[in-house]
């Protein structure tokens, strides 16, 4: 009789785990996707900041080059 109760309990937990396991997997995938999305957003933000910084540097270099060209024209 004890083995019958034990087998029923084990069977019950197996059935419950088979129903719960897919939900756990779906939840894990969902959180992994969200975490990946946050990383992508952060990387995009960093890339935008780098692009702005590079554009500022290019503008500064163009200004310097223009100044040098003007100076060379005045020297001639």
C-alpha atoms as a PDB file:
ATOM      1  CA  UNK A   1       0.000   0.000   0.000  1.00  0.00           C
ATOM      2  CA  UNK A   2       2.848   2.386   0.820  1.00  0.00           C
ATOM      3  CA  UNK A   3       4.477   1.725  -2.522  1.00  0.00           C
ATOM      4  CA  UNK A   4       1.170   2.493  -4.255  1.00  0.00           C
ATOM      5  CA  UNK A   5       0.907   5.850  -2.465  1.00  0.00           C
ATOM      6  CA  UNK A   6       4.557   6.592  -3.231  1.00  0.00           C
ATOM      7  CA  UNK A   7       4.112   5.753  -6.907  1.00  0.00           C
ATOM      8  CA  UNK A   8       0.997   7.954  -7.069  1.00  0.00           C
ATOM      9  CA  UNK A   9       2.894  10.839  -5.501  1.00  0.00           C
ATOM     10  CA  UNK A  10       5.819  10.383  -7.897  1.00  0.00           C
ATOM     11  CA  UNK A  11       3.432  10.160 -10.842  1.00  0.00           C
ATOM     12  CA  UNK A  12       1.633  13.298  -9.700  1.00  0.00           C
ATOM     13  CA  UNK A  13       4.890  15.267  -9.484  1.00  0.00           C
ATOM     14  CA  UNK A  14       6.011  13.966 -12.868  1.00  0.00           C
ATOM     15  CA  UNK A  15       2.781  15.097 -14.492  1.00  0.00           C
ATOM     16  CA  UNK A  16       2.911  18.476 -12.761  1.00  0.00           C
ATOM     17  CA  UNK A  17       6.557  18.956 -13.781  1.00  0.00           C
ATOM     18  CA  UNK A  18       5.706  18.134 -17.403  1.00  0.00           C
ATOM     19  CA  UNK A  19       3.104  20.905 -17.355  1.00  0.00           C
ATOM     20  CA  UNK A  20       5.266  23.416 -15.512  1.00  0.00           C
ATOM     21  CA  UNK A  21       8.512  22.807 -17.415  1.00  0.00           C
ATOM     22  CA  UNK A  22       7.361  24.401 -20.708  1.00  0.00           C
ATOM     23  CA  UNK A  23       6.253  27.530 -18.841  1.00  0.00           C
ATOM     24  CA  UNK A  24       9.617  27.764 -17.113  1.00  0.00           C
ATOM     25  CA  UNK A  25      11.414  27.400 -20.442  1.00  0.00           C
ATOM     26  CA  UNK A  26       9.231  30.075 -22.046  1.00  0.00           C
ATOM     27  CA  UNK A  27       9.858  32.449 -19.144  1.00  0.00           C
ATOM     28  CA  UNK A  28      13.635  31.850 -19.349  1.00  0.00           C
ATOM     29  CA  UNK A  29      13.616  32.525 -23.103  1.00  0.00           C
ATOM     30  CA  UNK A  30      11.555  35.689 -22.572  1.00  0.00           C
ATOM     31  CA  UNK A  31      13.969  37.091 -19.984  1.00  0.00           C
ATOM     32  CA  UNK A  32      16.984  36.175 -22.111  1.00  0.00           C
ATOM     33  CA  UNK A  33      15.412  38.011 -25.052  1.00  0.00           C
ATOM     34  CA  UNK A  34      14.710  41.089 -22.901  1.00  0.00           C
ATOM     35  CA  UNK A  35      18.260  41.082 -21.543  1.00  0.00           C
ATOM     36  CA  UNK A  36      19.641  40.810 -25.075  1.00  0.00           C
ATOM     37  CA  UNK A  37      17.392  43.662 -26.197  1.00  0.00           C
ATOM     38  CA  UNK A  38      18.683  45.885 -23.386  1.00  0.00           C
ATOM     39  CA  UNK A  39      22.266  45.125 -24.390  1.00  0.00           C
ATOM     40  CA  UNK A  40      21.515  46.012 -27.992  1.00  0.00           C
ATOM     41  CA  UNK A  41      19.931  49.294 -26.914  1.00  0.00           C
ATOM     42  CA  UNK A  42      22.966  50.141 -24.786  1.00  0.00           C
ATOM     43  CA  UNK A  43      25.342  49.290 -27.632  1.00  0.00           C
ATOM     44  CA  UNK A  44      23.313  51.423 -30.035  1.00  0.00           C
ATOM     45  CA  UNK A  45      23.446  54.320 -27.590  1.00  0.00           C
ATOM     46  CA  UNK A  46      27.227  53.973 -27.287  1.00  0.00           C
ATOM     47  CA  UNK A  47      27.620  53.787 -31.068  1.00  0.00           C
ATOM     48  CA  UNK A  48      25.566  56.961 -31.491  1.00  0.00           C
ATOM     49  CA  UNK A  49      27.729  58.750 -28.946  1.00  0.00           C
ATOM     50  CA  UNK A  50      30.867  57.562 -30.743  1.00  0.00           C
ATOM     51  CA  UNK A  51      29.481  58.748 -34.087  1.00  0.00           C
ATOM     52  CA  UNK A  52      28.762  62.195 -32.640  1.00  0.00           C
ATOM     53  CA  UNK A  53      32.243  62.368 -31.128  1.00  0.00           C
ATOM     54  CA  UNK A  54      33.854  61.338 -34.418  1.00  0.00           C
ATOM     55  CA  UNK A  55      31.810  63.923 -36.298  1.00  0.00           C
ATOM     56  CA  UNK A  56      32.990  66.636 -33.890  1.00  0.00           C
ATOM     57  CA  UNK A  57      36.584  65.559 -34.391  1.00  0.00           C
ATOM     58  CA  UNK A  58      36.151  65.632 -38.164  1.00  0.00           C
ATOM     59  CA  UNK A  59      34.673  69.131 -37.952  1.00  0.00           C
ATOM     60  CA  UNK A  60      37.626  70.275 -35.844  1.00  0.00           C
ATOM     61  CA  UNK A  61      40.077  68.752 -38.308  1.00  0.00           C
ATOM     62  CA  UNK A  62      38.298  70.437 -41.230  1.00  0.00           C
ATOM     63  CA  UNK A  63      38.463  73.782 -39.431  1.00  0.00           C
ATOM     64  CA  UNK A  64      42.168  73.332 -38.760  1.00  0.00           C
ATOM     65  CA  UNK A  65      42.767  72.337 -42.362  1.00  0.00           C
ATOM     66  CA  UNK A  66      40.881  75.407 -43.568  1.00  0.00           C
ATOM     67  CA  UNK A  67      42.965  77.606 -41.277  1.00  0.00           C
ATOM     68  CA  UNK A  68      46.182  76.047 -42.592  1.00  0.00           C
ATOM     69  CA  UNK A  69      45.029  76.536 -46.200  1.00  0.00           C
ATOM     70  CA  UNK A  70      44.227  80.189 -45.504  1.00  0.00           C
ATOM     71  CA  UNK A  71      47.609  80.676 -43.855  1.00  0.00           C
ATOM     72  CA  UNK A  72      49.415  79.092 -46.785  1.00  0.00           C
ATOM     73  CA  UNK A  73      47.535  81.283 -49.257  1.00  0.00           C
ATOM     74  CA  UNK A  74      48.520  84.371 -47.263  1.00  0.00           C
ATOM     75  CA  UNK A  75      52.157  83.286 -47.221  1.00  0.00           C
ATOM     76  CA  UNK A  76      52.227  82.916 -51.025  1.00  0.00           C
END
